[in-house]
Amino acid sequence: LILGYRDSLFLQNEFKKHGTLYVATEDGSYGTEGNV
């Protein structure tokens, strides 16, 4: 599950129950800096 956010994050906890989660944020504040 690869989710990309510009700033605020949501629904990550729900997604974690159903697969391996990877997150990208534009500013690098969480997960990978950049895009999906």
PDB file of all heavy atoms in Angstrom:
ATOM      1  N   LEU A   1       0.853  -1.180   0.000  1.00  0.00           N
ATOM      2  CA  LEU A   1       0.000   0.000   0.000  1.00  0.00           C
ATOM      3  C   LEU A   1       0.891   1.233   0.000  1.00  0.00           C
ATOM      4  O   LEU A   1       1.601   1.494   0.977  1.00  0.00           O
ATOM      5  CB  LEU A   1      -0.899  -0.021   1.239  1.00  0.00           C
ATOM      6  CG  LEU A   1      -1.541  -1.391   1.548  1.00  0.00           C
ATOM      7  CD1 LEU A   1      -2.223  -1.375   2.898  1.00  0.00           C
ATOM      8  CD2 LEU A   1      -2.513  -1.791   0.451  1.00  0.00           C
ATOM      9  N   ILE A   2       0.891   1.977  -1.088  1.00  0.00           N
ATOM     10  CA  ILE A   2       1.771   3.128  -1.226  1.00  0.00           C
ATOM     11  C   ILE A   2       0.906   4.382  -1.280  1.00  0.00           C
ATOM     12  O   ILE A   2       0.163   4.606  -2.252  1.00  0.00           O
ATOM     13  CB  ILE A   2       2.652   3.026  -2.496  1.00  0.00           C
ATOM     14  CG1 ILE A   2       3.473   1.728  -2.470  1.00  0.00           C
ATOM     15  CG2 ILE A   2       3.589   4.216  -2.582  1.00  0.00           C
ATOM     16  CD1 ILE A   2       2.917   0.639  -3.336  1.00  0.00           C
ATOM     17  N   LEU A   3       0.969   5.189  -0.222  1.00  0.00           N
ATOM     18  CA  LEU A   3       0.095   6.351  -0.087  1.00  0.00           C
ATOM     19  C   LEU A   3       0.915   7.628  -0.106  1.00  0.00           C
ATOM     20  O   LEU A   3       1.922   7.735   0.607  1.00  0.00           O
ATOM     21  CB  LEU A   3      -0.706   6.261   1.214  1.00  0.00           C
ATOM     22  CG  LEU A   3      -1.464   4.947   1.459  1.00  0.00           C
ATOM     23  CD1 LEU A   3      -2.242   5.035   2.756  1.00  0.00           C
ATOM     24  CD2 LEU A   3      -2.391   4.614   0.289  1.00  0.00           C
ATOM     25  N   GLY A   4       0.481   8.583  -0.905  1.00  0.00           N
ATOM     26  CA  GLY A   4       1.184   9.849  -1.015  1.00  0.00           C
ATOM     27  C   GLY A   4       0.353  11.001  -0.483  1.00  0.00           C
ATOM     28  O   GLY A   4      -0.855  11.087  -0.747  1.00  0.00           O
ATOM     29  N   TYR A   5       1.004  11.873   0.283  1.00  0.00           N
ATOM     30  CA  TYR A   5       0.313  13.018   0.880  1.00  0.00           C
ATOM     31  C   TYR A   5       1.126  14.286   0.655  1.00  0.00           C
ATOM     32  O   TYR A   5       2.361  14.250   0.657  1.00  0.00           O
ATOM     33  CB  TYR A   5       0.144  12.830   2.390  1.00  0.00           C
ATOM     34  CG  TYR A   5      -0.647  11.612   2.789  1.00  0.00           C
ATOM     35  CD1 TYR A   5      -0.005  10.392   3.037  1.00  0.00           C
ATOM     36  CD2 TYR A   5      -2.025  11.675   2.942  1.00  0.00           C
ATOM     37  CE1 TYR A   5      -0.727   9.270   3.419  1.00  0.00           C
ATOM     38  CE2 TYR A   5      -2.746  10.548   3.326  1.00  0.00           C
ATOM     39  CZ  TYR A   5      -2.098   9.354   3.563  1.00  0.00           C
ATOM     40  OH  TYR A   5      -2.804   8.255   3.945  1.00  0.00           O
ATOM     41  N   ARG A   6       0.413  15.399   0.492  1.00  0.00           N
ATOM     42  CA  ARG A   6       1.099  16.680   0.381  1.00  0.00           C
ATOM     43  C   ARG A   6       1.517  17.164   1.769  1.00  0.00           C
ATOM     44  O   ARG A   6       2.630  17.610   1.974  1.00  0.00           O
ATOM     45  CB  ARG A   6       0.200  17.717  -0.288  1.00  0.00           C
ATOM     46  CG  ARG A   6       0.816  19.104  -0.389  1.00  0.00           C
ATOM     47  CD  ARG A   6       0.006  19.988  -1.307  1.00  0.00           C
ATOM     48  NE  ARG A   6       0.079  19.515  -2.684  1.00  0.00           N
ATOM     49  CZ  ARG A   6      -0.664  19.994  -3.672  1.00  0.00           C
ATOM     50  NH1 ARG A   6      -1.566  20.935  -3.432  1.00  0.00           N
ATOM     51  NH2 ARG A   6      -0.532  19.523  -4.899  1.00  0.00           N
ATOM     52  N   ASP A   7       0.581  17.097   2.729  1.00  0.00           N
ATOM     53  CA  ASP A   7       0.891  17.569   4.079  1.00  0.00           C
ATOM     54  C   ASP A   7       0.259  16.649   5.119  1.00  0.00           C
ATOM     55  O   ASP A   7       0.902  15.754   5.630  1.00  0.00           O
ATOM     56  CB  ASP A   7       0.440  19.027   4.266  1.00  0.00           C
ATOM     57  CG  ASP A   7      -0.894  19.315   3.573  1.00  0.00           C
ATOM     58  OD1 ASP A   7      -1.812  18.488   3.672  1.00  0.00           O
ATOM     59  OD2 ASP A   7      -1.007  20.375   2.936  1.00  0.00           O
ATOM     60  N   SER A   8      -1.041  16.854   5.424  1.00  0.00           N
ATOM     61  CA  SER A   8      -1.680  16.083   6.486  1.00  0.00           C
ATOM     62  C   SER A   8      -1.933  14.637   6.065  1.00  0.00           C
ATOM     63  O   SER A   8      -2.288  14.352   4.929  1.00  0.00           O
ATOM     64  CB  SER A   8      -3.001  16.748   6.884  1.00  0.00           C
ATOM     65  OG  SER A   8      -3.831  16.916   5.756  1.00  0.00           O
ATOM     66  N   LEU A   9      -1.728  13.716   7.017  1.00  0.00           N
ATOM     67  CA  LEU A   9      -1.914  12.287   6.788  1.00  0.00           C
ATOM     68  C   LEU A   9      -3.244  11.837   7.376  1.00  0.00           C
ATOM     69  O   LEU A   9      -3.730  12.400   8.356  1.00  0.00           O
ATOM     70  CB  LEU A   9      -0.780  11.488   7.428  1.00  0.00           C
ATOM     71  CG  LEU A   9       0.548  11.375   6.665  1.00  0.00           C
ATOM     72  CD1 LEU A   9       1.203  12.730   6.493  1.00  0.00           C
ATOM     73  CD2 LEU A   9       1.494  10.425   7.378  1.00  0.00           C
ATOM     74  N   PHE A  10      -3.818  10.784   6.772  1.00  0.00           N
ATOM     75  CA  PHE A  10      -5.043  10.198   7.319  1.00  0.00           C
ATOM     76  C   PHE A  10      -5.186   8.771   6.804  1.00  0.00           C
ATOM     77  O   PHE A  10      -4.643   8.416   5.754  1.00  0.00           O
ATOM     78  CB  PHE A  10      -6.280  11.031   6.943  1.00  0.00           C
ATOM     79  CG  PHE A  10      -6.391  11.361   5.485  1.00  0.00           C
ATOM     80  CD1 PHE A  10      -7.079  10.529   4.617  1.00  0.00           C
ATOM     81  CD2 PHE A  10      -5.806  12.509   4.973  1.00  0.00           C
ATOM     82  CE1 PHE A  10      -7.184  10.825   3.259  1.00  0.00           C
ATOM     83  CE2 PHE A  10      -5.907  12.818   3.620  1.00  0.00           C
ATOM     84  CZ  PHE A  10      -6.592  11.977   2.762  1.00  0.00           C
ATOM     85  N   LEU A  11      -5.877   7.948   7.582  1.00  0.00           N
ATOM     86  CA  LEU A  11      -6.224   6.555   7.272  1.00  0.00           C
ATOM     87  C   LEU A  11      -5.050   5.571   7.311  1.00  0.00           C
ATOM     88  O   LEU A  11      -5.233   4.398   7.001  1.00  0.00           O
ATOM     89  CB  LEU A  11      -6.927   6.433   5.910  1.00  0.00           C
ATOM     90  CG  LEU A  11      -8.278   7.130   5.756  1.00  0.00           C
ATOM     91  CD1 LEU A  11      -8.819   6.924   4.338  1.00  0.00           C
ATOM     92  CD2 LEU A  11      -9.297   6.607   6.764  1.00  0.00           C
ATOM     93  N   GLN A  12      -3.837   6.020   7.714  1.00  0.00           N
ATOM     94  CA  GLN A  12      -2.714   5.067   7.712  1.00  0.00           C
ATOM     95  C   GLN A  12      -2.968   3.876   8.631  1.00  0.00           C
ATOM     96  O   GLN A  12      -2.626   2.747   8.290  1.00  0.00           O
ATOM     97  CB  GLN A  12      -1.389   5.712   8.143  1.00  0.00           C
ATOM     98  CG  GLN A  12      -1.090   7.059   7.584  1.00  0.00           C
ATOM     99  CD  GLN A  12      -1.517   8.145   8.539  1.00  0.00           C
ATOM    100  OE1 GLN A  12      -2.671   8.524   8.584  1.00  0.00           O
ATOM    101  NE2 GLN A  12      -0.592   8.650   9.305  1.00  0.00           N
ATOM    102  N   ASN A  13      -3.533   4.122   9.812  1.00  0.00           N
ATOM    103  CA  ASN A  13      -3.751   3.019  10.757  1.00  0.00           C
ATOM    104  C   ASN A  13      -4.710   1.982  10.190  1.00  0.00           C
ATOM    105  O   ASN A  13      -4.529   0.773  10.396  1.00  0.00           O
ATOM    106  CB  ASN A  13      -4.266   3.559  12.090  1.00  0.00           C
ATOM    107  CG  ASN A  13      -3.206   4.335  12.843  1.00  0.00           C
ATOM    108  OD1 ASN A  13      -2.007   4.103  12.658  1.00  0.00           O
ATOM    109  ND2 ASN A  13      -3.618   5.262  13.680  1.00  0.00           N
ATOM    110  N   GLU A  14      -5.729   2.424   9.469  1.00  0.00           N
ATOM    111  CA  GLU A  14      -6.673   1.483   8.858  1.00  0.00           C
ATOM    112  C   GLU A  14      -5.984   0.654   7.781  1.00  0.00           C
ATOM    113  O   GLU A  14      -6.186  -0.555   7.674  1.00  0.00           O
ATOM    114  CB  GLU A  14      -7.870   2.232   8.273  1.00  0.00           C
ATOM    115  CG  GLU A  14      -8.835   2.789   9.306  1.00  0.00           C
ATOM    116  CD  GLU A  14      -8.545   4.225   9.682  1.00  0.00           C
ATOM    117  OE1 GLU A  14      -7.348   4.610   9.664  1.00  0.00           O
ATOM    118  OE2 GLU A  14      -9.499   4.960   9.982  1.00  0.00           O
ATOM    119  N   PHE A  15      -5.160   1.298   6.952  1.00  0.00           N
ATOM    120  CA  PHE A  15      -4.485   0.582   5.875  1.00  0.00           C
ATOM    121  C   PHE A  15      -3.480  -0.435   6.414  1.00  0.00           C
ATOM    122  O   PHE A  15      -3.298  -1.509   5.820  1.00  0.00           O
ATOM    123  CB  PHE A  15      -3.782   1.564   4.939  1.00  0.00           C
ATOM    124  CG  PHE A  15      -4.671   2.097   3.845  1.00  0.00           C
ATOM    125  CD1 PHE A  15      -5.337   3.301   4.008  1.00  0.00           C
ATOM    126  CD2 PHE A  15      -4.857   1.388   2.668  1.00  0.00           C
ATOM    127  CE1 PHE A  15      -6.159   3.803   3.008  1.00  0.00           C
ATOM    128  CE2 PHE A  15      -5.681   1.869   1.664  1.00  0.00           C
ATOM    129  CZ  PHE A  15      -6.334   3.088   1.833  1.00  0.00           C
ATOM    130  N   LYS A  16      -2.823  -0.125   7.517  1.00  0.00           N
ATOM    131  CA  LYS A  16      -1.811  -1.030   8.070  1.00  0.00           C
ATOM    132  C   LYS A  16      -2.368  -2.411   8.386  1.00  0.00           C
ATOM    133  O   LYS A  16      -1.628  -3.400   8.395  1.00  0.00           O
ATOM    134  CB  LYS A  16      -1.219  -0.426   9.351  1.00  0.00           C
ATOM    135  CG  LYS A  16      -0.252   0.723   9.124  1.00  0.00           C
ATOM    136  CD  LYS A  16       0.229   1.286  10.458  1.00  0.00           C
ATOM    137  CE  LYS A  16       1.162   2.468  10.255  1.00  0.00           C
ATOM    138  NZ  LYS A  16       1.559   3.094  11.536  1.00  0.00           N
ATOM    139  N   LYS A  17      -3.667  -2.503   8.631  1.00  0.00           N
ATOM    140  CA  LYS A  17      -4.294  -3.781   8.966  1.00  0.00           C
ATOM    141  C   LYS A  17      -4.435  -4.702   7.754  1.00  0.00           C
ATOM    142  O   LYS A  17      -4.710  -5.885   7.902  1.00  0.00           O
ATOM    143  CB  LYS A  17      -5.684  -3.544   9.565  1.00  0.00           C
ATOM    144  CG  LYS A  17      -5.690  -2.705  10.831  1.00  0.00           C
ATOM    145  CD  LYS A  17      -7.117  -2.382  11.245  1.00  0.00           C
ATOM    146  CE  LYS A  17      -7.161  -1.437  12.437  1.00  0.00           C
ATOM    147  NZ  LYS A  17      -8.567  -1.036  12.763  1.00  0.00           N
ATOM    148  N   HIS A  18      -4.234  -4.167   6.547  1.00  0.00           N
ATOM    149  CA  HIS A  18      -4.584  -4.927   5.348  1.00  0.00           C
ATOM    150  C   HIS A  18      -3.444  -5.061   4.348  1.00  0.00           C
ATOM    151  O   HIS A  18      -3.675  -5.465   3.201  1.00  0.00           O
ATOM    152  CB  HIS A  18      -5.792  -4.277   4.674  1.00  0.00           C
ATOM    153  CG  HIS A  18      -6.971  -4.133   5.583  1.00  0.00           C
ATOM    154  ND1 HIS A  18      -7.699  -5.214   6.020  1.00  0.00           N
ATOM    155  CD2 HIS A  18      -7.527  -3.036   6.172  1.00  0.00           C
ATOM    156  CE1 HIS A  18      -8.671  -4.786   6.825  1.00  0.00           C
ATOM    157  NE2 HIS A  18      -8.586  -3.475   6.923  1.00  0.00           N
ATOM    158  N   GLY A  19      -2.229  -4.753   4.740  1.00  0.00           N
ATOM    159  CA  GLY A  19      -1.095  -4.900   3.835  1.00  0.00           C
ATOM    160  C   GLY A  19       0.116  -4.182   4.388  1.00  0.00           C
ATOM    161  O   GLY A  19       0.081  -3.635   5.493  1.00  0.00           O
ATOM    162  N   THR A  20       1.198  -4.184   3.628  1.00  0.00           N
ATOM    163  CA  THR A  20       2.414  -3.491   4.038  1.00  0.00           C
ATOM    164  C   THR A  20       2.337  -2.051   3.552  1.00  0.00           C
ATOM    165  O   THR A  20       2.159  -1.798   2.355  1.00  0.00           O
ATOM    166  CB  THR A  20       3.655  -4.174   3.438  1.00  0.00           C
ATOM    167  OG1 THR A  20       3.621  -5.563   3.774  1.00  0.00           O
ATOM    168  CG2 THR A  20       4.922  -3.560   3.992  1.00  0.00           C
ATOM    169  N   LEU A  21       2.463  -1.113   4.491  1.00  0.00           N
ATOM    170  CA  LEU A  21       2.228   0.296   4.181  1.00  0.00           C
ATOM    171  C   LEU A  21       3.535   1.042   3.942  1.00  0.00           C
ATOM    172  O   LEU A  21       4.492   0.923   4.707  1.00  0.00           O
ATOM    173  CB  LEU A  21       1.467   0.955   5.339  1.00  0.00           C
ATOM    174  CG  LEU A  21       1.176   2.451   5.185  1.00  0.00           C
ATOM    175  CD1 LEU A  21       0.233   2.707   4.017  1.00  0.00           C
ATOM    176  CD2 LEU A  21       0.593   3.023   6.482  1.00  0.00           C
ATOM    177  N   TYR A  22       3.540   1.845   2.874  1.00  0.00           N
ATOM    178  CA  TYR A  22       4.636   2.765   2.576  1.00  0.00           C
ATOM    179  C   TYR A  22       4.019   4.144   2.330  1.00  0.00           C
ATOM    180  O   TYR A  22       3.002   4.250   1.638  1.00  0.00           O
ATOM    181  CB  TYR A  22       5.410   2.313   1.336  1.00  0.00           C
ATOM    182  CG  TYR A  22       5.977   0.923   1.449  1.00  0.00           C
ATOM    183  CD1 TYR A  22       5.216  -0.181   1.058  1.00  0.00           C
ATOM    184  CD2 TYR A  22       7.258   0.694   1.949  1.00  0.00           C
ATOM    185  CE1 TYR A  22       5.714  -1.471   1.165  1.00  0.00           C
ATOM    186  CE2 TYR A  22       7.771  -0.591   2.062  1.00  0.00           C
ATOM    187  CZ  TYR A  22       6.989  -1.668   1.664  1.00  0.00           C
ATOM    188  OH  TYR A  22       7.491  -2.944   1.782  1.00  0.00           O
ATOM    189  N   VAL A  23       4.628   5.163   2.897  1.00  0.00           N
ATOM    190  CA  VAL A  23       4.085   6.523   2.782  1.00  0.00           C
ATOM    191  C   VAL A  23       5.122   7.444   2.164  1.00  0.00           C
ATOM    192  O   VAL A  23       6.319   7.347   2.465  1.00  0.00           O
ATOM    193  CB  VAL A  23       3.658   7.063   4.169  1.00  0.00           C
ATOM    194  CG1 VAL A  23       3.283   8.544   4.094  1.00  0.00           C
ATOM    195  CG2 VAL A  23       2.485   6.246   4.715  1.00  0.00           C
ATOM    196  N   ALA A  24       4.663   8.334   1.307  1.00  0.00           N
ATOM    197  CA  ALA A  24       5.511   9.385   0.737  1.00  0.00           C
ATOM    198  C   ALA A  24       4.877  10.735   1.047  1.00  0.00           C
ATOM    199  O   ALA A  24       3.656  10.898   0.927  1.00  0.00           O
ATOM    200  CB  ALA A  24       5.650   9.212  -0.774  1.00  0.00           C
ATOM    201  N   THR A  25       5.691  11.690   1.467  1.00  0.00           N
ATOM    202  CA  THR A  25       5.224  13.059   1.679  1.00  0.00           C
ATOM    203  C   THR A  25       6.133  14.006   0.916  1.00  0.00           C
ATOM    204  O   THR A  25       7.340  13.777   0.802  1.00  0.00           O
ATOM    205  CB  THR A  25       5.224  13.438   3.172  1.00  0.00           C
ATOM    206  OG1 THR A  25       6.505  13.128   3.746  1.00  0.00           O
ATOM    207  CG2 THR A  25       4.150  12.685   3.929  1.00  0.00           C
ATOM    208  N   GLU A  26       5.554  15.074   0.405  1.00  0.00           N
ATOM    209  CA  GLU A  26       6.322  16.006  -0.415  1.00  0.00           C
ATOM    210  C   GLU A  26       7.483  16.630   0.359  1.00  0.00           C
ATOM    211  O   GLU A  26       8.550  16.863  -0.204  1.00  0.00           O
ATOM    212  CB  GLU A  26       5.404  17.099  -0.965  1.00  0.00           C
ATOM    213  CG  GLU A  26       4.454  16.603  -2.040  1.00  0.00           C
ATOM    214  CD  GLU A  26       3.678  17.721  -2.702  1.00  0.00           C
ATOM    215  OE1 GLU A  26       3.911  18.904  -2.348  1.00  0.00           O
ATOM    216  OE2 GLU A  26       2.842  17.430  -3.572  1.00  0.00           O
ATOM    217  N   ASP A  27       7.250  16.905   1.651  1.00  0.00           N
ATOM    218  CA  ASP A  27       8.297  17.570   2.431  1.00  0.00           C
ATOM    219  C   ASP A  27       9.172  16.600   3.226  1.00  0.00           C
ATOM    220  O   ASP A  27      10.079  17.020   3.941  1.00  0.00           O
ATOM    221  CB  ASP A  27       7.687  18.601   3.380  1.00  0.00           C
ATOM    222  CG  ASP A  27       6.717  17.983   4.386  1.00  0.00           C
ATOM    223  OD1 ASP A  27       6.571  16.742   4.406  1.00  0.00           O
ATOM    224  OD2 ASP A  27       6.106  18.738   5.157  1.00  0.00           O
ATOM    225  N   GLY A  28       8.889  15.295   3.110  1.00  0.00           N
ATOM    226  CA  GLY A  28       9.698  14.317   3.823  1.00  0.00           C
ATOM    227  C   GLY A  28       9.418  14.237   5.309  1.00  0.00           C
ATOM    228  O   GLY A  28      10.170  13.609   6.061  1.00  0.00           O
ATOM    229  N   SER A  29       8.320  14.834   5.756  1.00  0.00           N
ATOM    230  CA  SER A  29       8.002  14.823   7.191  1.00  0.00           C
ATOM    231  C   SER A  29       7.604  13.433   7.676  1.00  0.00           C
ATOM    232  O   SER A  29       7.662  13.150   8.882  1.00  0.00           O
ATOM    233  CB  SER A  29       6.873  15.816   7.482  1.00  0.00           C
ATOM    234  OG  SER A  29       5.715  15.514   6.713  1.00  0.00           O
ATOM    235  N   TYR A  30       7.211  12.564   6.757  1.00  0.00           N
ATOM    236  CA  TYR A  30       6.842  11.189   7.125  1.00  0.00           C
ATOM    237  C   TYR A  30       7.167  10.299   5.940  1.00  0.00           C
ATOM    238  O   TYR A  30       6.857  10.616   4.794  1.00  0.00           O
ATOM    239  CB  TYR A  30       5.346  11.115   7.471  1.00  0.00           C
ATOM    240  CG  TYR A  30       4.925   9.812   8.121  1.00  0.00           C
ATOM    241  CD1 TYR A  30       4.862   9.686   9.503  1.00  0.00           C
ATOM    242  CD2 TYR A  30       4.600   8.702   7.345  1.00  0.00           C
ATOM    243  CE1 TYR A  30       4.474   8.488  10.098  1.00  0.00           C
ATOM    244  CE2 TYR A  30       4.221   7.498   7.927  1.00  0.00           C
ATOM    245  CZ  TYR A  30       4.157   7.405   9.305  1.00  0.00           C
ATOM    246  OH  TYR A  30       3.790   6.218   9.890  1.00  0.00           O
ATOM    247  N   GLY A  31       7.802   9.166   6.195  1.00  0.00           N
ATOM    248  CA  GLY A  31       8.104   8.216   5.130  1.00  0.00           C
ATOM    249  C   GLY A  31       9.113   8.763   4.137  1.00  0.00           C
ATOM    250  O   GLY A  31      10.026   9.519   4.482  1.00  0.00           O
ATOM    251  N   THR A  32       8.933   8.406   2.880  1.00  0.00           N
ATOM    252  CA  THR A  32       9.834   8.825   1.807  1.00  0.00           C
ATOM    253  C   THR A  32       9.585  10.282   1.427  1.00  0.00           C
ATOM    254  O   THR A  32       8.428  10.695   1.297  1.00  0.00           O
ATOM    255  CB  THR A  32       9.620   7.938   0.563  1.00  0.00           C
ATOM    256  OG1 THR A  32       9.940   6.587   0.886  1.00  0.00           O
ATOM    257  CG2 THR A  32      10.488   8.396  -0.597  1.00  0.00           C
ATOM    258  N   GLU A  33      10.632  11.035   1.248  1.00  0.00           N
ATOM    259  CA  GLU A  33      10.471  12.395   0.733  1.00  0.00           C
ATOM    260  C   GLU A  33      10.287  12.313  -0.780  1.00  0.00           C
ATOM    261  O   GLU A  33      11.132  11.765  -1.489  1.00  0.00           O
ATOM    262  CB  GLU A  33      11.692  13.260   1.054  1.00  0.00           C
ATOM    263  CG  GLU A  33      11.569  14.693   0.540  1.00  0.00           C
ATOM    264  CD  GLU A  33      12.734  15.572   0.926  1.00  0.00           C
ATOM    265  OE1 GLU A  33      13.637  15.088   1.644  1.00  0.00           O
ATOM    266  OE2 GLU A  33      12.733  16.757   0.516  1.00  0.00           O
ATOM    267  N   GLY A  34       9.169  12.854  -1.268  1.00  0.00           N
ATOM    268  CA  GLY A  34       8.893  12.791  -2.696  1.00  0.00           C
ATOM    269  C   GLY A  34       7.501  12.257  -2.963  1.00  0.00           C
ATOM    270  O   GLY A  34       6.572  12.505  -2.194  1.00  0.00           O
ATOM    271  N   ASN A  35       7.380  11.484  -4.055  1.00  0.00           N
ATOM    272  CA  ASN A  35       6.069  10.977  -4.451  1.00  0.00           C
ATOM    273  C   ASN A  35       5.990   9.458  -4.304  1.00  0.00           C
ATOM    274  O   ASN A  35       6.927   8.814  -3.825  1.00  0.00           O
ATOM    275  CB  ASN A  35       5.752  11.413  -5.885  1.00  0.00           C
ATOM    276  CG  ASN A  35       6.787  10.917  -6.887  1.00  0.00           C
ATOM    277  OD1 ASN A  35       7.300   9.799  -6.780  1.00  0.00           O
ATOM    278  ND2 ASN A  35       7.108  11.746  -7.869  1.00  0.00           N
ATOM    279  N   VAL A  36       4.864   8.894  -4.729  1.00  0.00           N
ATOM    280  CA  VAL A  36       4.629   7.457  -4.533  1.00  0.00           C
ATOM    281  C   VAL A  36       5.640   6.602  -5.295  1.00  0.00           C
ATOM    282  O   VAL A  36       6.065   5.547  -4.814  1.00  0.00           O
ATOM    283  CB  VAL A  36       3.187   7.079  -4.925  1.00  0.00           C
ATOM    284  CG1 VAL A  36       2.188   7.641  -3.922  1.00  0.00           C
ATOM    285  CG2 VAL A  36       2.842   7.549  -6.344  1.00  0.00           C
TER     286      VAL A  36
END
